[in-house]
Protein backbone atom coordinates (compact mmCIF):
# COMPACT_ATOMS: atom_id res chain seq x y z
CA UNK A 1 105.60 171.00 125.46
CA UNK A 2 105.93 173.77 122.87
CA UNK A 3 106.46 177.53 123.10
CA UNK A 4 105.16 179.45 120.09
CA UNK A 5 105.89 183.08 119.24
CA UNK A 6 103.13 185.47 118.18
CA UNK A 7 104.27 185.00 114.60
CA UNK A 8 103.58 181.28 114.86
CA UNK A 9 107.26 180.37 114.86
CA UNK A 10 108.37 177.82 117.42
CA UNK A 11 110.50 179.29 120.19
CA UNK A 12 111.42 176.03 121.90
CA UNK A 13 110.21 172.46 122.42
CA UNK A 14 110.59 170.07 125.33
CA UNK A 15 110.03 166.31 125.19
CA UNK A 16 109.56 164.59 128.59
CA UNK A 17 110.34 161.27 126.85
CA UNK A 18 107.33 159.35 128.07
CA UNK A 19 107.02 155.67 127.22
CA UNK A 20 104.22 155.88 124.65
CA UNK A 21 103.55 152.13 124.89
CA UNK A 22 102.50 152.35 128.55
CA UNK A 23 99.15 150.97 129.68
CA UNK A 24 97.50 154.35 130.29
CA UNK A 25 93.78 153.74 130.68
CA UNK A 26 92.91 157.20 129.38
CA UNK A 27 95.19 157.04 126.34
CA UNK A 28 97.84 159.61 125.46
CA UNK A 29 96.11 162.60 127.05
CA UNK A 30 97.44 165.87 128.43
CA UNK A 31 95.08 168.72 129.31
CA UNK A 32 97.70 171.44 129.63
CA UNK A 33 100.29 173.03 131.89
CA UNK A 34 100.35 175.55 134.74
CA UNK A 35 102.51 178.64 135.14
CA UNK A 36 103.98 180.52 138.10
CA UNK A 37 105.98 183.73 138.42
CA UNK A 38 108.53 183.81 141.25
CA UNK A 39 108.27 187.33 142.68
CA UNK A 40 111.46 186.88 144.71
CA UNK A 41 113.65 186.02 141.71
CA UNK A 42 115.27 188.75 139.58
CA UNK A 43 114.16 188.93 135.97
CA UNK A 44 117.72 188.23 134.83
CA UNK A 45 117.82 184.80 136.49
CA UNK A 46 116.51 181.63 134.84
CA UNK A 47 113.20 180.09 135.87
CA UNK A 48 111.67 183.31 137.16
CA UNK A 49 108.55 182.18 135.30
CA UNK A 50 108.07 178.45 135.45
CA UNK A 51 105.86 176.03 133.58
CA UNK A 52 104.67 172.93 135.40
CA UNK A 53 103.59 169.73 133.68
CA UNK A 54 102.27 166.57 135.32
CA UNK A 55 103.08 163.66 133.01
CA UNK A 56 101.46 160.35 132.11
CA UNK A 57 104.34 158.45 133.70
CA UNK A 58 103.78 160.26 137.04
CA UNK A 59 106.36 163.05 137.14
CA UNK A 60 106.04 166.73 137.96
CA UNK A 61 108.30 168.77 135.69
CA UNK A 62 109.31 172.43 136.03
CA UNK A 63 110.64 174.30 132.98
CA UNK A 64 111.97 177.81 132.38
CA UNK A 65 109.21 179.51 130.40
CA UNK A 66 111.75 181.55 128.43
CA UNK A 67 114.02 178.73 127.25
CA UNK A 68 112.23 175.42 127.91
CA UNK A 69 115.17 174.21 130.00
CA UNK A 70 114.42 172.22 133.18
CA UNK A 71 114.70 174.27 136.39
CA UNK A 72 117.73 172.71 138.04
CA UNK A 73 116.73 173.80 141.55
CA UNK A 74 113.37 172.02 141.35
CA UNK A 75 113.48 168.45 142.62
CA UNK A 76 116.14 166.41 140.85
CA UNK A 77 117.24 168.07 137.61
CA UNK A 78 113.90 169.80 137.21
CA UNK A 79 111.47 167.04 138.10
CA UNK A 80 109.83 165.31 141.06
CA UNK A 81 108.64 161.70 141.05
CA UNK A 82 104.94 161.25 141.83
CA UNK A 83 105.14 157.47 142.04
CA UNK A 84 105.49 157.08 145.81
CA UNK A 85 101.81 156.41 146.50
CA UNK A 86 100.25 153.28 148.06
CA UNK A 87 99.60 150.61 145.45
CA UNK A 88 101.42 152.42 142.64
CA UNK A 89 101.37 150.61 139.31
CA UNK A 90 103.03 152.06 136.24
CA UNK A 91 100.45 153.13 133.66
CA UNK A 92 97.46 152.54 135.91
CA UNK A 93 98.52 155.59 137.94
CA UNK A 94 99.15 158.64 135.78
CA UNK A 95 98.42 162.36 135.34
CA UNK A 96 96.30 163.93 132.63
CA UNK A 97 95.36 167.39 133.98
CA UNK A 98 97.53 170.44 134.71
CA UNK A 99 98.59 171.14 138.29
CA UNK A 100 96.91 173.91 140.26
CA UNK A 101 99.15 176.77 141.44
CA UNK A 102 98.36 178.98 144.41
CA UNK A 103 100.92 181.34 145.96
CA UNK A 104 104.19 179.33 145.91
CA UNK A 105 102.53 175.90 145.97
CA UNK A 106 101.92 173.44 143.12
CA UNK A 107 99.06 170.98 143.71
CA UNK A 108 98.64 167.75 141.74
CA UNK A 109 95.96 165.09 141.61
CA UNK A 110 96.07 161.90 139.55
CA UNK A 111 94.26 159.74 137.01
CA UNK A 112 93.72 156.10 137.95
CA UNK A 113 92.42 153.37 135.65
CA UNK A 114 88.86 152.19 136.30
CA UNK A 115 88.14 148.68 137.54
CA UNK A 116 91.67 147.30 137.44
CA UNK A 117 91.29 145.77 140.89
CA UNK A 118 89.55 146.40 144.19
CA UNK A 119 92.46 148.11 145.93
CA UNK A 120 93.67 150.47 143.22
CA UNK A 121 96.37 153.07 144.02
CA UNK A 122 95.32 155.81 146.44
CA UNK A 123 93.96 159.05 145.03
CA UNK A 124 96.16 161.24 147.21
CA UNK A 125 96.33 164.98 146.42
CA UNK A 126 99.78 166.49 147.00
CA UNK A 127 101.27 169.98 147.19
CA UNK A 128 104.89 170.81 146.38
CA UNK A 129 107.05 173.86 146.88
CA UNK A 130 107.10 175.72 143.55
CA UNK A 131 110.80 176.58 143.95
CA UNK A 132 112.39 173.46 145.41
CA UNK A 133 109.87 170.72 144.64
CA UNK A 134 109.77 169.69 148.29
CA UNK A 135 106.56 168.06 149.47
CA UNK A 136 104.46 170.51 151.49
CA UNK A 137 101.47 168.33 152.31
CA UNK A 138 99.30 165.46 151.11
CA UNK A 139 95.59 164.67 151.50
CA UNK A 140 93.89 161.31 150.94
CA UNK A 141 90.20 161.43 149.89
CA UNK A 142 89.56 158.00 151.42
CA UNK A 143 92.13 157.17 154.10
CA UNK A 144 92.27 153.54 155.30
CA UNK A 145 89.00 152.69 157.01
CA UNK A 146 88.35 150.13 159.76
CA UNK A 147 86.11 147.16 159.02
CA UNK A 148 83.51 145.79 161.41
CA UNK A 149 84.10 142.34 159.95
CA UNK A 150 87.72 141.09 160.33
CA UNK A 151 87.03 138.35 157.78
CA UNK A 152 86.03 140.99 155.24
CA UNK A 153 88.59 143.83 155.43
CA UNK A 154 87.80 147.29 154.05
CA UNK A 155 89.39 147.60 150.62
CA UNK A 156 89.32 150.39 148.10
CA UNK A 157 91.41 153.04 146.39
CA UNK A 158 91.20 155.82 143.81
CA UNK A 159 88.61 158.55 144.62
CA UNK A 160 91.21 160.58 142.78
CA UNK A 161 91.12 164.14 141.47
CA UNK A 162 91.74 163.50 137.77
CA UNK A 163 90.11 166.60 136.33
CA UNK A 164 91.10 170.27 136.66
CA UNK A 165 91.16 171.81 140.13
CA UNK A 166 90.41 175.44 141.01
CA UNK A 167 92.04 177.83 143.47
CA UNK A 168 90.86 180.83 145.49
CA UNK A 169 93.97 182.75 146.67
CA UNK A 170 91.90 185.25 148.67
CA UNK A 171 90.51 182.45 150.85
CA UNK A 172 93.64 180.26 150.66
CA UNK A 173 91.56 177.42 149.20
CA UNK A 174 92.17 174.65 146.68
CA UNK A 175 88.89 173.29 145.28
CA UNK A 176 89.28 169.58 144.52
CA UNK A 177 86.73 167.51 142.52
CA UNK A 178 87.07 163.78 143.25
CA UNK A 179 86.02 160.65 141.39
CA UNK A 180 84.61 157.30 142.40
CA UNK A 181 86.25 154.85 144.77
CA UNK A 182 87.47 151.53 143.38
CA UNK A 183 86.09 149.35 142.04
CA UNK A 184 83.51 151.49 140.29
CA UNK A 185 80.54 149.12 140.23
CA UNK A 186 80.89 147.11 143.44
CA UNK A 187 81.09 148.54 146.96
CA UNK A 188 80.85 145.41 149.08
CA UNK A 189 84.42 145.88 150.35
CA UNK A 190 84.05 149.63 150.96
CA UNK A 191 80.87 149.96 153.07
CA UNK A 192 79.59 153.36 154.11
CA UNK A 193 79.44 156.62 152.16
CA UNK A 194 83.13 156.46 151.04
CA UNK A 195 83.89 160.09 151.86
CA UNK A 196 85.43 162.00 150.24
CA UNK A 197 84.96 160.14 146.95
CA UNK A 198 82.50 161.69 144.45
CA UNK A 199 82.80 165.07 146.14
CA UNK A 200 84.02 168.60 145.85
CA UNK A 201 86.25 169.54 148.76
CA UNK A 202 87.98 172.75 149.79
CA UNK A 203 91.48 172.34 151.22
CA UNK A 204 93.53 175.00 153.00
CA UNK A 205 96.33 175.67 150.52
CA UNK A 206 99.03 176.24 153.14
CA UNK A 207 98.38 173.08 155.15
CA UNK A 208 96.21 170.70 153.12
CA UNK A 209 93.68 170.62 155.93
CA UNK A 210 90.03 170.12 155.07
CA UNK A 211 88.07 173.38 155.13
CA UNK A 212 84.81 171.78 154.01
CA UNK A 213 83.48 169.03 151.78
CA UNK A 214 80.28 168.21 149.95
CA UNK A 215 79.64 164.69 148.67
CA UNK A 216 77.57 164.60 145.48
CA UNK A 217 76.98 160.82 145.43
CA UNK A 218 77.09 158.48 148.43
CA UNK A 219 78.63 155.02 147.99
CA UNK A 220 78.97 155.32 144.22
CA UNK A 221 78.13 152.24 142.14
CA UNK A 222 77.92 153.94 138.73
CA UNK A 223 81.28 155.69 138.13
CA UNK A 224 79.59 159.05 138.77
CA UNK A 225 82.85 161.02 138.98
CA UNK A 226 82.94 164.73 139.64
CA UNK A 227 84.30 165.22 136.16
CA UNK A 228 83.89 168.95 135.55
CA UNK A 229 86.17 171.54 137.15
CA UNK A 230 84.68 173.63 139.98
CA UNK A 231 83.38 176.97 138.73
CA UNK A 232 83.99 179.95 141.02
CA UNK A 233 81.41 182.71 140.71
CA UNK A 234 79.58 185.48 142.55
CA UNK A 235 75.85 184.81 142.94
CA UNK A 236 73.42 187.71 143.50
CA UNK A 237 71.33 186.83 146.56
CA UNK A 238 69.12 189.14 148.63
CA UNK A 239 70.84 192.23 147.30
CA UNK A 240 74.36 190.92 147.92
CA UNK A 241 76.91 188.99 145.91
CA UNK A 242 77.77 185.69 147.55
CA UNK A 243 80.95 183.78 146.58
CA UNK A 244 79.95 180.30 145.40
CA UNK A 245 81.30 177.11 143.89
CA UNK A 246 79.19 175.66 141.09
CA UNK A 247 79.85 171.95 140.69
CA UNK A 248 78.42 169.55 138.14
CA UNK A 249 78.40 165.77 138.29
CA UNK A 250 77.82 162.85 135.93
CA UNK A 251 74.35 162.52 137.46
CA UNK A 252 73.41 165.67 135.56
CA UNK A 253 72.85 167.67 138.75
CA UNK A 254 74.51 171.03 139.29
CA UNK A 255 75.10 172.05 142.89
CA UNK A 256 75.66 175.64 144.01
CA UNK A 257 77.65 175.83 147.26
CA UNK A 258 78.72 178.68 149.49
CA UNK A 259 82.45 179.04 148.90
CA UNK A 260 83.22 179.79 152.54
CA UNK A 261 81.24 176.97 154.14
CA UNK A 262 80.34 174.43 151.44
CA UNK A 263 76.65 174.62 152.36
CA UNK A 264 74.16 174.46 149.46
CA UNK A 265 72.72 177.79 148.34
CA UNK A 266 69.57 176.00 147.19
CA UNK A 267 67.87 173.10 148.99
CA UNK A 268 69.38 169.64 148.57
CA UNK A 269 67.32 166.64 149.64
CA UNK A 270 68.50 163.24 150.80
CA UNK A 271 66.06 160.97 148.98
CA UNK A 272 65.51 157.20 149.23
CA UNK A 273 67.16 155.29 146.39
CA UNK A 274 66.70 151.73 145.06
CA UNK A 275 68.67 148.99 146.74
CA UNK A 276 70.94 146.37 145.18
CA UNK A 277 70.47 142.61 145.41
CA UNK A 278 74.13 141.88 144.64
CA UNK A 279 75.58 139.60 147.34
CA UNK A 280 77.72 141.57 149.79
CA UNK A 281 76.59 144.95 148.50
CA UNK A 282 75.21 147.27 151.19
CA UNK A 283 73.91 150.32 149.39
CA UNK A 284 73.02 153.43 151.41
CA UNK A 285 69.34 154.20 151.80
CA UNK A 286 69.60 157.87 150.80
CA UNK A 287 71.44 160.02 148.26
CA UNK A 288 71.55 163.81 147.68
CA UNK A 289 69.32 165.38 145.03
CA UNK A 290 69.24 169.00 143.93
CA UNK A 291 65.60 169.89 144.62
CA UNK A 292 65.55 173.20 142.74
CA UNK A 293 65.70 173.52 139.00
CA UNK A 294 68.13 175.39 136.83
CA UNK A 295 67.05 177.85 134.22
CA UNK A 296 68.67 177.35 130.84
CA UNK A 297 68.64 180.52 128.75
CA UNK A 298 69.08 180.56 125.00
CA UNK A 299 71.55 183.33 124.15
CA UNK A 300 71.30 185.02 120.76
CA UNK A 301 74.38 187.27 120.85
CA UNK A 302 77.17 186.67 120.09
CA UNK A 303 76.30 184.11 117.39
CA UNK A 304 76.32 180.51 118.60
CA UNK A 305 75.91 177.08 117.11
CA UNK A 306 72.24 176.29 116.40
CA UNK A 307 70.48 175.00 119.50
CA UNK A 308 73.37 175.77 121.82
CA UNK A 309 72.38 176.61 125.39
CA UNK A 310 74.22 178.58 128.00
CA UNK A 311 73.76 178.09 131.70
CA UNK A 312 73.26 181.78 132.38
CA UNK A 313 72.09 181.85 135.98
CA UNK A 314 70.56 179.83 138.79
CA UNK A 315 66.90 180.42 139.64
CA UNK A 316 64.41 179.11 142.18
CA UNK A 317 61.89 176.47 141.18
CA UNK A 318 59.12 177.94 139.09
CA UNK A 319 61.28 180.43 137.19
CA UNK A 320 62.57 177.88 134.72
CA UNK A 321 62.80 174.18 134.03
CA UNK A 322 65.25 171.35 133.57
CA UNK A 323 64.00 167.79 133.21
CA UNK A 324 66.03 165.14 134.94
CA UNK A 325 65.81 161.40 135.36
CA UNK A 326 63.70 159.93 138.14
CA UNK A 327 65.26 158.66 141.34
CA UNK A 328 64.75 155.07 140.26
CA UNK A 329 66.47 155.40 136.88
CA UNK A 330 69.25 157.79 137.89
CA UNK A 331 70.51 155.80 140.88
CA UNK A 332 69.37 152.32 140.02
CA UNK A 333 72.21 150.11 141.32
CA UNK A 334 73.87 147.11 139.64
CA UNK A 335 71.79 143.96 140.00
CA UNK A 336 72.22 140.26 139.39
CA UNK A 337 69.87 140.64 136.39
CA UNK A 338 72.06 143.28 134.74
CA UNK A 339 74.19 141.27 132.31
CA UNK A 340 77.06 143.75 131.77
CA UNK A 341 77.28 144.44 135.49
CA UNK A 342 77.01 140.74 136.36
CA UNK A 343 79.96 139.76 134.17
CA UNK A 344 82.03 142.62 135.57
CA UNK A 345 81.20 141.70 139.16
CA UNK A 346 82.09 138.07 138.60
CA UNK A 347 85.46 139.08 137.21
CA UNK A 348 86.18 141.42 140.09
CA UNK A 349 84.87 139.22 142.92
CA UNK A 350 86.38 136.06 141.47
CA UNK A 351 83.22 133.99 141.91
CA UNK A 352 80.07 133.21 139.96
CA UNK A 353 77.03 135.28 140.79
CA UNK A 354 73.58 133.77 141.48
CA UNK A 355 71.65 132.59 138.44
CA UNK A 356 69.72 135.16 136.47
CA UNK A 357 66.15 135.62 137.63
CA UNK A 358 63.26 136.42 135.32
CA UNK A 359 61.81 139.24 137.35
CA UNK A 360 63.27 142.74 137.34
CA UNK A 361 65.24 143.69 140.42
CA UNK A 362 66.27 147.00 141.93
CA UNK A 363 63.16 148.73 140.62
């Protein structure tokens, strides 16, 4: 972490001394830090303004923004270990995005390697006291689920919040985008919709309780993470401005949700989707689709790169257009005839799949 003066001269530097040879699935990535001003601390005392960094080796570090020195009253010598999660494995479980800060709480998610094993580490979201580093609360997107078949126990993990979260202090909400449950391409050991994987959820910042949730993909088989941060905006509607959350997904859909309730502002349909023929896979019959289209406006001022488009506003169907893939192509599940998927499934399941058929499946 570096602090640079306006002149460009370095003020201070801090090295968290991470093992650079670790098996971090995302590589040596850090998307930034968060800051917090302690209103109860005099300006003459250290660590009145703190910088928080979540590291690749699963630590939460608090530094004095003025000097770069660790805040001694935070955790142990300025850091808190984030490794006490179910199934923790060094490298596989790491942090790449900055924490979210709301009031005097620091909230962290995690990045978890894809397809390492069925029961990857849990994607728990945790909140810590910004002064002491004490754990305030934790929330698991997919808590342990019962299985109707004792011989085939429910197994999964991840569903982690690896990207940037958003906060709404006025409503005491932390907006959390979650990724896919493990393993990415086979759900035979995690039947059901796998809530709250592949979702955007609103948590009460003070308690970690669930205010509302909206799942963008049910029973994900494609690694369709909620990769983009939630966008908080005010949407003009019937002469009033409505607080909304705008959330994109790897499917290419953009959902506009009421920020207070999580209900869609525009119709969302549960449509039938193709089924998988992979042994043991029980894909859900329906999945959500944004039924209205988004208007993409070309903006001429200020100057932009040629062909660049800005998502300026959300309109009802008929006022604009956005082409998207058909239901069959967008949510076509892995099949025994899909060679890349077949090899991956065999490696994960530990058994050979049925022989390749000539006809096309899952169409």
